[in-house]
Amino acid sequence: MTPAAAGAGAKPLVLLSQPSDSGLTPVMEGQFRFVLAADADAATAAEARVLFVPGLRPVTADLIDRLPALELVAAISVGLDHVAAADAHLRRGRWAMDGDYPLATKVSGKRVGIVGLGSIGSLVARRLAAFGCAVAYHSRTRKPPPCPYTFYPTVLALAADSDVLVLACALTEETRRAVDREVMEALGRGGGVLVNVGRGALVDEPELVRCLRDGVIGGAGLDVFENEPDVPAELFDMDNVVLSSHKAVATTESIRGVLDTVSGNLEAFFAGKPLLSPVAL
């Protein structure tokens, strides 16, 4: 952006990677000038220093190549919510046909392994600890004291000692399909449950389908999938899996928190101050 373009009263330019349906951009339009990347002419694309990603579509190399002045990509992604299986039991008429919802098992006292003890994993751990769960974790590095959770050097070792395995790590070449058949078999020895709120490709999805179908693991809670929005059709008819469409963050309070973080990052960037939540690339 030239000094003249950034003069008094001018709103900083922010490109949108896709249309936003989350209500984020209308709230911030008083502070920033939003332009959809697909509608940006060459001059606007050449000027843009910030790209805001308000949804889950991937940012392509072609788009990045169109933005020679790009310095910051602001993205949204965080959250966890719950869906009640007993509610589905009643709505399907199974209470009348099959009787009471079958006995389940309590969360409290469970051994929960968390893969990725970053910001999301730490929040999950804190909540589970409040339920009296024995929390352990695997991460790229062992967390220094006073981290109260037990560290496991491999995902396999963690799974073998867990009733529930929660995936909350980033997708990298090292973590891609880190949960394979061997890991699921280790988890399943006690009827373990897999929960994935990270990325779909952290799991060998075809093997997951087979393990759920054959009872190798007790169940799964999946908010993410390998080839979104395509979901393996076999999962739809399974009673031992809960599915959601990468929307575990979709609460008013969470979206408000995302808005505050995105807005704070944009304000800090244009003011030349440190970002609130930087990710080095």
C-alpha atoms as a PDB file:
ATOM      1  CA  MET A   1       0.000   0.000   0.000  1.00  0.00           C
ATOM      2  CA  THR A   2       1.411   3.393  -0.954  1.00  0.00           C
ATOM      3  CA  PRO A   3       1.618   6.207   1.627  1.00  0.00           C
ATOM      4  CA  ALA A   4      -1.050   8.100  -0.297  1.00  0.00           C
ATOM      5  CA  ALA A   5      -3.396   5.118  -0.281  1.00  0.00           C
ATOM      6  CA  ALA A   6      -2.860   4.664   3.436  1.00  0.00           C
ATOM      7  CA  GLY A   7      -3.575   8.292   4.206  1.00  0.00           C
ATOM      8  CA  ALA A   8      -5.762   9.685   6.944  1.00  0.00           C
ATOM      9  CA  GLY A   9      -9.183   8.083   7.018  1.00  0.00           C
ATOM     10  CA  ALA A  10      -8.320   5.294   4.588  1.00  0.00           C
ATOM     11  CA  LYS A  11      -9.335   1.829   5.750  1.00  0.00           C
ATOM     12  CA  PRO A  12      -6.641  -0.850   5.459  1.00  0.00           C
ATOM     13  CA  LEU A  13      -7.289  -3.295   2.619  1.00  0.00           C
ATOM     14  CA  VAL A  14      -8.018  -6.933   3.552  1.00  0.00           C
ATOM     15  CA  LEU A  15      -8.616  -9.551   0.854  1.00  0.00           C
ATOM     16  CA  LEU A  16     -11.132 -12.340   1.555  1.00  0.00           C
ATOM     17  CA  SER A  17     -10.205 -15.794   0.278  1.00  0.00           C
ATOM     18  CA  GLN A  18     -13.902 -16.717   0.063  1.00  0.00           C
ATOM     19  CA  PRO A  19     -17.315 -15.235   0.924  1.00  0.00           C
ATOM     20  CA  SER A  20     -17.918 -15.207   4.672  1.00  0.00           C
ATOM     21  CA  ASP A  21     -21.134 -16.639   6.105  1.00  0.00           C
ATOM     22  CA  SER A  22     -20.007 -16.424   9.725  1.00  0.00           C
ATOM     23  CA  GLY A  23     -20.957 -12.802  10.355  1.00  0.00           C
ATOM     24  CA  LEU A  24     -17.337 -11.838  10.969  1.00  0.00           C
ATOM     25  CA  THR A  25     -16.798  -9.336   8.178  1.00  0.00           C
ATOM     26  CA  PRO A  26     -19.868  -7.086   8.706  1.00  0.00           C
ATOM     27  CA  VAL A  27     -18.750  -6.421  12.283  1.00  0.00           C
ATOM     28  CA  MET A  28     -15.265  -5.368  11.114  1.00  0.00           C
ATOM     29  CA  GLU A  29     -16.243  -3.343   8.050  1.00  0.00           C
ATOM     30  CA  GLY A  30     -15.971  -0.149  10.061  1.00  0.00           C
ATOM     31  CA  GLN A  31     -12.248  -0.804  10.522  1.00  0.00           C
ATOM     32  CA  PHE A  32     -11.171  -2.548   7.313  1.00  0.00           C
ATOM     33  CA  ARG A  33     -11.974  -2.514   3.591  1.00  0.00           C
ATOM     34  CA  PHE A  34     -12.801  -6.070   2.526  1.00  0.00           C
ATOM     35  CA  VAL A  35     -12.484  -7.201  -1.091  1.00  0.00           C
ATOM     36  CA  LEU A  36     -13.221 -10.744  -2.253  1.00  0.00           C
ATOM     37  CA  ALA A  37     -10.043 -12.140  -3.807  1.00  0.00           C
ATOM     38  CA  ALA A  38     -11.956 -13.518  -6.790  1.00  0.00           C
ATOM     39  CA  ASP A  39     -13.249  -9.997  -7.530  1.00  0.00           C
ATOM     40  CA  ALA A  40      -9.955  -8.172  -7.000  1.00  0.00           C
ATOM     41  CA  ASP A  41      -8.387  -6.587 -10.062  1.00  0.00           C
ATOM     42  CA  ALA A  42      -4.634  -6.781 -10.647  1.00  0.00           C
ATOM     43  CA  ALA A  43      -3.952  -3.447  -8.941  1.00  0.00           C
ATOM     44  CA  THR A  44      -5.910  -4.407  -5.819  1.00  0.00           C
ATOM     45  CA  ALA A  45      -4.259  -7.831  -5.649  1.00  0.00           C
ATOM     46  CA  ALA A  46      -0.830  -6.238  -6.009  1.00  0.00           C
ATOM     47  CA  GLU A  47      -1.607  -3.842  -3.147  1.00  0.00           C
ATOM     48  CA  ALA A  48      -2.987  -6.383  -0.660  1.00  0.00           C
ATOM     49  CA  ARG A  49      -0.789  -7.115   2.347  1.00  0.00           C
ATOM     50  CA  VAL A  50      -3.356  -9.196   4.245  1.00  0.00           C
ATOM     51  CA  LEU A  51      -5.488 -12.211   3.268  1.00  0.00           C
ATOM     52  CA  PHE A  52      -8.337 -13.196   5.607  1.00  0.00           C
ATOM     53  CA  VAL A  53      -9.525 -16.827   5.417  1.00  0.00           C
ATOM     54  CA  PRO A  54     -12.996 -16.860   7.051  1.00  0.00           C
ATOM     55  CA  GLY A  55     -13.869 -20.461   6.192  1.00  0.00           C
ATOM     56  CA  LEU A  56     -12.405 -23.872   5.472  1.00  0.00           C
ATOM     57  CA  ARG A  57     -11.644 -23.770   1.760  1.00  0.00           C
ATOM     58  CA  PRO A  58      -7.913 -24.204   1.095  1.00  0.00           C
ATOM     59  CA  VAL A  59      -5.789 -21.240   0.056  1.00  0.00           C
ATOM     60  CA  THR A  60      -4.286 -22.198  -3.299  1.00  0.00           C
ATOM     61  CA  ALA A  61      -0.816 -21.535  -4.627  1.00  0.00           C
ATOM     62  CA  ASP A  62      -2.397 -19.642  -7.541  1.00  0.00           C
ATOM     63  CA  LEU A  63      -4.019 -17.204  -5.133  1.00  0.00           C
ATOM     64  CA  ILE A  64      -0.786 -16.655  -3.210  1.00  0.00           C
ATOM     65  CA  ASP A  65       1.050 -16.035  -6.494  1.00  0.00           C
ATOM     66  CA  ARG A  66      -1.423 -13.239  -7.300  1.00  0.00           C
ATOM     67  CA  LEU A  67      -0.498 -11.382  -4.096  1.00  0.00           C
ATOM     68  CA  PRO A  68       3.112 -10.172  -4.369  1.00  0.00           C
ATOM     69  CA  ALA A  69       2.805  -7.833  -1.367  1.00  0.00           C
ATOM     70  CA  LEU A  70       1.219 -10.442   0.933  1.00  0.00           C
ATOM     71  CA  GLU A  71       2.613 -10.368   4.478  1.00  0.00           C
ATOM     72  CA  LEU A  72      -0.133 -11.850   6.658  1.00  0.00           C
ATOM     73  CA  VAL A  73      -2.725 -14.629   6.359  1.00  0.00           C
ATOM     74  CA  ALA A  74      -5.385 -14.388   9.094  1.00  0.00           C
ATOM     75  CA  ALA A  75      -7.357 -17.620   9.508  1.00  0.00           C
ATOM     76  CA  ILE A  76      -9.977 -19.038  11.860  1.00  0.00           C
ATOM     77  CA  SER A  77     -10.051 -22.545  13.397  1.00  0.00           C
ATOM     78  CA  VAL A  78     -10.695 -23.717  16.972  1.00  0.00           C
ATOM     79  CA  GLY A  79     -13.418 -25.338  19.079  1.00  0.00           C
ATOM     80  CA  LEU A  80     -15.220 -28.337  20.513  1.00  0.00           C
ATOM     81  CA  ASP A  81     -18.896 -29.189  21.112  1.00  0.00           C
ATOM     82  CA  HIS A  82     -21.055 -32.201  22.005  1.00  0.00           C
ATOM     83  CA  VAL A  83     -23.879 -34.154  20.338  1.00  0.00           C
ATOM     84  CA  ALA A  84     -26.120 -36.455  22.426  1.00  0.00           C
ATOM     85  CA  ALA A  85     -26.611 -39.968  21.057  1.00  0.00           C
ATOM     86  CA  ALA A  86     -29.600 -40.458  23.368  1.00  0.00           C
ATOM     87  CA  ASP A  87     -31.372 -37.614  21.578  1.00  0.00           C
ATOM     88  CA  ALA A  88     -30.998 -39.443  18.253  1.00  0.00           C
ATOM     89  CA  HIS A  89     -32.229 -42.665  19.900  1.00  0.00           C
ATOM     90  CA  LEU A  90     -35.470 -40.952  20.888  1.00  0.00           C
ATOM     91  CA  ARG A  91     -35.967 -39.022  17.633  1.00  0.00           C
ATOM     92  CA  ARG A  92     -35.647 -42.208  15.568  1.00  0.00           C
ATOM     93  CA  GLY A  93     -38.463 -43.817  17.537  1.00  0.00           C
ATOM     94  CA  ARG A  94     -36.136 -46.403  19.026  1.00  0.00           C
ATOM     95  CA  TRP A  95     -37.247 -45.723  22.608  1.00  0.00           C
ATOM     96  CA  ALA A  96     -40.689 -47.119  21.771  1.00  0.00           C
ATOM     97  CA  MET A  97     -39.362 -49.938  19.567  1.00  0.00           C
ATOM     98  CA  ASP A  98     -36.184 -51.025  21.368  1.00  0.00           C
ATOM     99  CA  GLY A  99     -36.673 -49.746  24.905  1.00  0.00           C
ATOM    100  CA  ASP A 100     -34.415 -47.527  26.953  1.00  0.00           C
ATOM    101  CA  TYR A 101     -31.179 -46.135  25.600  1.00  0.00           C
ATOM    102  CA  PRO A 102     -28.459 -48.671  26.501  1.00  0.00           C
ATOM    103  CA  LEU A 103     -26.182 -48.076  29.445  1.00  0.00           C
ATOM    104  CA  ALA A 104     -23.122 -46.058  28.524  1.00  0.00           C
ATOM    105  CA  THR A 105     -19.981 -45.261  30.499  1.00  0.00           C
ATOM    106  CA  LYS A 106     -18.952 -42.154  32.398  1.00  0.00           C
ATOM    107  CA  VAL A 107     -16.292 -39.708  31.280  1.00  0.00           C
ATOM    108  CA  SER A 108     -14.929 -39.359  34.800  1.00  0.00           C
ATOM    109  CA  GLY A 109     -12.017 -41.597  35.613  1.00  0.00           C
ATOM    110  CA  LYS A 110     -11.198 -42.388  31.997  1.00  0.00           C
ATOM    111  CA  ARG A 111      -7.631 -42.472  30.709  1.00  0.00           C
ATOM    112  CA  VAL A 112      -7.530 -39.858  27.960  1.00  0.00           C
ATOM    113  CA  GLY A 113      -4.596 -39.495  25.587  1.00  0.00           C
ATOM    114  CA  ILE A 114      -4.260 -36.235  23.684  1.00  0.00           C
ATOM    115  CA  VAL A 115      -2.156 -36.033  20.535  1.00  0.00           C
ATOM    116  CA  GLY A 116      -0.984 -32.427  20.322  1.00  0.00           C
ATOM    117  CA  LEU A 117      -0.855 -30.427  23.551  1.00  0.00           C
ATOM    118  CA  GLY A 118      -1.026 -27.005  21.906  1.00  0.00           C
ATOM    119  CA  SER A 119      -3.698 -24.381  22.533  1.00  0.00           C
ATOM    120  CA  ILE A 120      -6.643 -26.660  21.685  1.00  0.00           C
ATOM    121  CA  GLY A 121      -5.173 -29.787  23.251  1.00  0.00           C
ATOM    122  CA  SER A 122      -4.395 -27.914  26.465  1.00  0.00           C
ATOM    123  CA  LEU A 123      -7.969 -26.644  26.735  1.00  0.00           C
ATOM    124  CA  VAL A 124      -9.290 -30.172  26.182  1.00  0.00           C
ATOM    125  CA  ALA A 125      -6.902 -31.510  28.833  1.00  0.00           C
ATOM    126  CA  ARG A 126      -7.953 -28.894  31.374  1.00  0.00           C
ATOM    127  CA  ARG A 127     -11.642 -29.715  30.948  1.00  0.00           C
ATOM    128  CA  LEU A 128     -11.088 -33.465  31.131  1.00  0.00           C
ATOM    129  CA  ALA A 129      -8.931 -33.137  34.234  1.00  0.00           C
ATOM    130  CA  ALA A 130     -11.886 -31.399  35.895  1.00  0.00           C
ATOM    131  CA  PHE A 131     -13.896 -34.595  35.281  1.00  0.00           C
ATOM    132  CA  GLY A 132     -11.268 -36.626  37.104  1.00  0.00           C
ATOM    133  CA  CYS A 133      -9.752 -38.103  33.952  1.00  0.00           C
ATOM    134  CA  ALA A 134      -6.164 -39.309  33.889  1.00  0.00           C
ATOM    135  CA  VAL A 135      -4.759 -37.155  31.088  1.00  0.00           C
ATOM    136  CA  ALA A 136      -1.639 -38.052  29.109  1.00  0.00           C
ATOM    137  CA  TYR A 137      -0.259 -36.677  25.859  1.00  0.00           C
ATOM    138  CA  HIS A 138       2.054 -37.070  22.905  1.00  0.00           C
ATOM    139  CA  SER A 139       3.572 -33.982  21.314  1.00  0.00           C
ATOM    140  CA  ARG A 140       6.595 -33.052  19.228  1.00  0.00           C
ATOM    141  CA  THR A 141       8.414 -32.122  22.402  1.00  0.00           C
ATOM    142  CA  ARG A 142       7.895 -32.868  26.063  1.00  0.00           C
ATOM    143  CA  LYS A 143       6.323 -29.940  27.881  1.00  0.00           C
ATOM    144  CA  PRO A 144       8.466 -28.507  30.689  1.00  0.00           C
ATOM    145  CA  PRO A 145       7.262 -28.382  34.299  1.00  0.00           C
ATOM    146  CA  PRO A 146       4.784 -27.543  35.682  1.00  0.00           C
ATOM    147  CA  CYS A 147       2.863 -29.482  32.979  1.00  0.00           C
ATOM    148  CA  PRO A 148       0.880 -32.010  35.077  1.00  0.00           C
ATOM    149  CA  TYR A 149       0.212 -34.546  32.318  1.00  0.00           C
ATOM    150  CA  THR A 150       2.136 -37.733  31.530  1.00  0.00           C
ATOM    151  CA  PHE A 151       4.182 -37.654  28.315  1.00  0.00           C
ATOM    152  CA  TYR A 152       4.328 -40.600  25.888  1.00  0.00           C
ATOM    153  CA  PRO A 153       7.055 -40.692  23.230  1.00  0.00           C
ATOM    154  CA  THR A 154       4.840 -42.211  20.500  1.00  0.00           C
ATOM    155  CA  VAL A 155       1.195 -42.143  19.439  1.00  0.00           C
ATOM    156  CA  LEU A 156       1.150 -45.951  19.568  1.00  0.00           C
ATOM    157  CA  ALA A 157       2.301 -46.078  23.190  1.00  0.00           C
ATOM    158  CA  LEU A 158      -0.240 -43.416  24.135  1.00  0.00           C
ATOM    159  CA  ALA A 159      -3.092 -45.259  22.401  1.00  0.00           C
ATOM    160  CA  ALA A 160      -2.217 -48.528  24.122  1.00  0.00           C
ATOM    161  CA  ASP A 161      -2.623 -46.852  27.515  1.00  0.00           C
ATOM    162  CA  SER A 162      -5.787 -44.815  26.771  1.00  0.00           C
ATOM    163  CA  ASP A 163      -9.543 -45.323  26.887  1.00  0.00           C
ATOM    164  CA  VAL A 164     -10.040 -42.284  24.656  1.00  0.00           C
ATOM    165  CA  LEU A 165      -7.588 -40.876  22.108  1.00  0.00           C
ATOM    166  CA  VAL A 166      -8.140 -37.216  21.154  1.00  0.00           C
ATOM    167  CA  LEU A 167      -6.430 -35.797  18.064  1.00  0.00           C
ATOM    168  CA  ALA A 168      -5.783 -32.061  18.350  1.00  0.00           C
ATOM    169  CA  CYS A 169      -2.496 -31.605  16.501  1.00  0.00           C
ATOM    170  CA  ALA A 170      -1.590 -29.911  13.243  1.00  0.00           C
ATOM    171  CA  LEU A 171      -1.399 -31.864   9.995  1.00  0.00           C
ATOM    172  CA  THR A 172       2.194 -32.214   8.802  1.00  0.00           C
ATOM    173  CA  GLU A 173       4.061 -34.844   6.835  1.00  0.00           C
ATOM    174  CA  GLU A 174       5.067 -36.340  10.194  1.00  0.00           C
ATOM    175  CA  THR A 175       1.506 -36.516  11.535  1.00  0.00           C
ATOM    176  CA  ARG A 176      -0.267 -37.524   8.303  1.00  0.00           C
ATOM    177  CA  ARG A 177      -2.038 -40.840   9.001  1.00  0.00           C
ATOM    178  CA  ALA A 178      -0.275 -41.056  12.352  1.00  0.00           C
ATOM    179  CA  VAL A 179      -3.300 -43.022  13.536  1.00  0.00           C
ATOM    180  CA  ASP A 180      -3.097 -46.193  11.456  1.00  0.00           C
ATOM    181  CA  ARG A 181      -4.497 -49.692  11.985  1.00  0.00           C
ATOM    182  CA  GLU A 182      -1.813 -50.571  14.531  1.00  0.00           C
ATOM    183  CA  VAL A 183      -2.684 -47.537  16.649  1.00  0.00           C
ATOM    184  CA  MET A 184      -6.415 -48.275  16.422  1.00  0.00           C
ATOM    185  CA  GLU A 185      -5.878 -51.893  17.414  1.00  0.00           C
ATOM    186  CA  ALA A 186      -3.878 -50.735  20.441  1.00  0.00           C
ATOM    187  CA  LEU A 187      -6.635 -48.296  21.397  1.00  0.00           C
ATOM    188  CA  GLY A 188      -9.360 -50.851  20.787  1.00  0.00           C
ATOM    189  CA  ARG A 189      -8.110 -53.514  23.185  1.00  0.00           C
ATOM    190  CA  GLY A 190     -10.286 -51.950  25.855  1.00  0.00           C
ATOM    191  CA  GLY A 191     -13.041 -50.764  23.524  1.00  0.00           C
ATOM    192  CA  GLY A 192     -11.383 -47.371  23.173  1.00  0.00           C
ATOM    193  CA  VAL A 193     -12.851 -44.345  21.425  1.00  0.00           C
ATOM    194  CA  LEU A 194     -11.151 -42.069  18.885  1.00  0.00           C
ATOM    195  CA  VAL A 195     -12.014 -38.352  18.791  1.00  0.00           C
ATOM    196  CA  ASN A 196     -10.659 -36.227  15.938  1.00  0.00           C
ATOM    197  CA  VAL A 197     -10.971 -32.441  16.144  1.00  0.00           C
ATOM    198  CA  GLY A 198      -7.665 -31.821  14.345  1.00  0.00           C
ATOM    199  CA  ARG A 199      -7.552 -32.730  10.653  1.00  0.00           C
ATOM    200  CA  GLY A 200      -9.060 -35.681   8.830  1.00  0.00           C
ATOM    201  CA  ALA A 201      -5.784 -36.853   7.312  1.00  0.00           C
ATOM    202  CA  LEU A 202      -4.314 -37.469  10.774  1.00  0.00           C
ATOM    203  CA  VAL A 203      -6.151 -40.800  10.512  1.00  0.00           C
ATOM    204  CA  ASP A 204      -5.993 -43.570   7.935  1.00  0.00           C
ATOM    205  CA  GLU A 205      -9.657 -43.054   7.053  1.00  0.00           C
ATOM    206  CA  PRO A 206     -10.306 -46.318   5.151  1.00  0.00           C
ATOM    207  CA  GLU A 207      -8.821 -48.259   8.072  1.00  0.00           C
ATOM    208  CA  LEU A 208     -10.927 -46.233  10.504  1.00  0.00           C
ATOM    209  CA  VAL A 209     -14.080 -47.229   8.625  1.00  0.00           C
ATOM    210  CA  ARG A 210     -13.047 -50.887   8.769  1.00  0.00           C
ATOM    211  CA  CYS A 211     -12.146 -50.695  12.466  1.00  0.00           C
ATOM    212  CA  LEU A 212     -15.503 -49.124  13.322  1.00  0.00           C
ATOM    213  CA  ARG A 213     -17.385 -51.644  11.194  1.00  0.00           C
ATOM    214  CA  ASP A 214     -15.553 -54.643  12.637  1.00  0.00           C
ATOM    215  CA  GLY A 215     -15.606 -53.487  16.257  1.00  0.00           C
ATOM    216  CA  VAL A 216     -11.844 -53.062  16.495  1.00  0.00           C
ATOM    217  CA  ILE A 217     -12.461 -49.781  18.344  1.00  0.00           C
ATOM    218  CA  GLY A 218     -15.494 -48.941  20.425  1.00  0.00           C
ATOM    219  CA  GLY A 219     -16.451 -45.776  18.606  1.00  0.00           C
ATOM    220  CA  ALA A 220     -15.407 -42.429  17.192  1.00  0.00           C
ATOM    221  CA  GLY A 221     -16.339 -38.769  17.297  1.00  0.00           C
ATOM    222  CA  LEU A 222     -15.343 -37.072  14.036  1.00  0.00           C
ATOM    223  CA  ASP A 223     -15.551 -33.363  13.282  1.00  0.00           C
ATOM    224  CA  VAL A 224     -13.021 -33.541  10.434  1.00  0.00           C
ATOM    225  CA  PHE A 225     -12.497 -35.753   7.388  1.00  0.00           C
ATOM    226  CA  GLU A 226      -9.722 -36.439   4.914  1.00  0.00           C
ATOM    227  CA  ASN A 227     -11.476 -35.141   1.778  1.00  0.00           C
ATOM    228  CA  GLU A 228     -13.973 -32.568   3.048  1.00  0.00           C
ATOM    229  CA  PRO A 229     -16.799 -32.121   2.296  1.00  0.00           C
ATOM    230  CA  ASP A 230     -16.829 -35.760   1.123  1.00  0.00           C
ATOM    231  CA  VAL A 231     -17.466 -38.151   4.012  1.00  0.00           C
ATOM    232  CA  PRO A 232     -17.216 -41.957   3.681  1.00  0.00           C
ATOM    233  CA  ALA A 233     -20.787 -43.111   3.099  1.00  0.00           C
ATOM    234  CA  GLU A 234     -20.287 -46.166   5.319  1.00  0.00           C
ATOM    235  CA  LEU A 235     -20.081 -43.912   8.383  1.00  0.00           C
ATOM    236  CA  PHE A 236     -23.637 -42.619   8.011  1.00  0.00           C
ATOM    237  CA  ASP A 237     -25.252 -45.904   9.041  1.00  0.00           C
ATOM    238  CA  MET A 238     -22.945 -46.664  11.966  1.00  0.00           C
ATOM    239  CA  ASP A 239     -24.312 -46.231  15.487  1.00  0.00           C
ATOM    240  CA  ASN A 240     -20.843 -46.160  17.042  1.00  0.00           C
ATOM    241  CA  VAL A 241     -19.737 -42.909  15.410  1.00  0.00           C
ATOM    242  CA  VAL A 242     -20.816 -39.282  15.854  1.00  0.00           C
ATOM    243  CA  LEU A 243     -20.244 -36.959  12.888  1.00  0.00           C
ATOM    244  CA  SER A 244     -20.180 -33.184  12.514  1.00  0.00           C
ATOM    245  CA  SER A 245     -19.252 -31.062   9.508  1.00  0.00           C
ATOM    246  CA  HIS A 246     -16.067 -29.342  10.725  1.00  0.00           C
ATOM    247  CA  LYS A 247     -18.286 -27.041  12.767  1.00  0.00           C
ATOM    248  CA  ALA A 248     -17.411 -27.875  16.358  1.00  0.00           C
ATOM    249  CA  VAL A 249     -16.544 -24.200  16.819  1.00  0.00           C
ATOM    250  CA  ALA A 250     -20.015 -23.019  15.760  1.00  0.00           C
ATOM    251  CA  THR A 251     -21.260 -21.277  18.896  1.00  0.00           C
ATOM    252  CA  THR A 252     -22.001 -17.585  19.294  1.00  0.00           C
ATOM    253  CA  GLU A 253     -19.373 -17.224  22.008  1.00  0.00           C
ATOM    254  CA  SER A 254     -16.663 -19.031  20.049  1.00  0.00           C
ATOM    255  CA  ILE A 255     -17.318 -17.007  16.896  1.00  0.00           C
ATOM    256  CA  ARG A 256     -17.184 -13.820  18.984  1.00  0.00           C
ATOM    257  CA  GLY A 257     -13.814 -14.943  20.338  1.00  0.00           C
ATOM    258  CA  VAL A 258     -12.581 -15.694  16.806  1.00  0.00           C
ATOM    259  CA  LEU A 259     -13.759 -12.257  15.696  1.00  0.00           C
ATOM    260  CA  ASP A 260     -11.902 -10.568  18.552  1.00  0.00           C
ATOM    261  CA  THR A 261      -8.693 -12.458  17.723  1.00  0.00           C
ATOM    262  CA  VAL A 262      -8.881 -11.784  13.972  1.00  0.00           C
ATOM    263  CA  SER A 263      -9.695  -8.120  14.515  1.00  0.00           C
ATOM    264  CA  GLY A 264      -6.904  -7.790  17.076  1.00  0.00           C
ATOM    265  CA  ASN A 265      -4.401  -9.407  14.699  1.00  0.00           C
ATOM    266  CA  LEU A 266      -5.399  -7.098  11.851  1.00  0.00           C
ATOM    267  CA  GLU A 267      -5.204  -4.008  14.063  1.00  0.00           C
ATOM    268  CA  ALA A 268      -1.791  -5.068  15.379  1.00  0.00           C
ATOM    269  CA  PHE A 269      -0.481  -5.772  11.876  1.00  0.00           C
ATOM    270  CA  PHE A 270      -1.502  -2.428  10.414  1.00  0.00           C
ATOM    271  CA  ALA A 271      -0.188  -0.644  13.526  1.00  0.00           C
ATOM    272  CA  GLY A 272       3.181  -2.382  13.214  1.00  0.00           C
ATOM    273  CA  LYS A 273       2.751  -4.193  16.547  1.00  0.00           C
ATOM    274  CA  PRO A 274       3.312  -7.894  17.403  1.00  0.00           C
ATOM    275  CA  LEU A 275       0.474 -10.196  16.348  1.00  0.00           C
ATOM    276  CA  LEU A 276      -1.735 -11.779  19.010  1.00  0.00           C
ATOM    277  CA  SER A 277      -1.461 -15.299  17.556  1.00  0.00           C
ATOM    278  CA  PRO A 278       1.355 -15.474  14.988  1.00  0.00           C
ATOM    279  CA  VAL A 279       2.175 -18.640  13.047  1.00  0.00           C
ATOM    280  CA  ALA A 280       5.566 -18.623  11.350  1.00  0.00           C
ATOM    281  CA  LEU A 281       5.651 -19.991   7.793  1.00  0.00           C
END
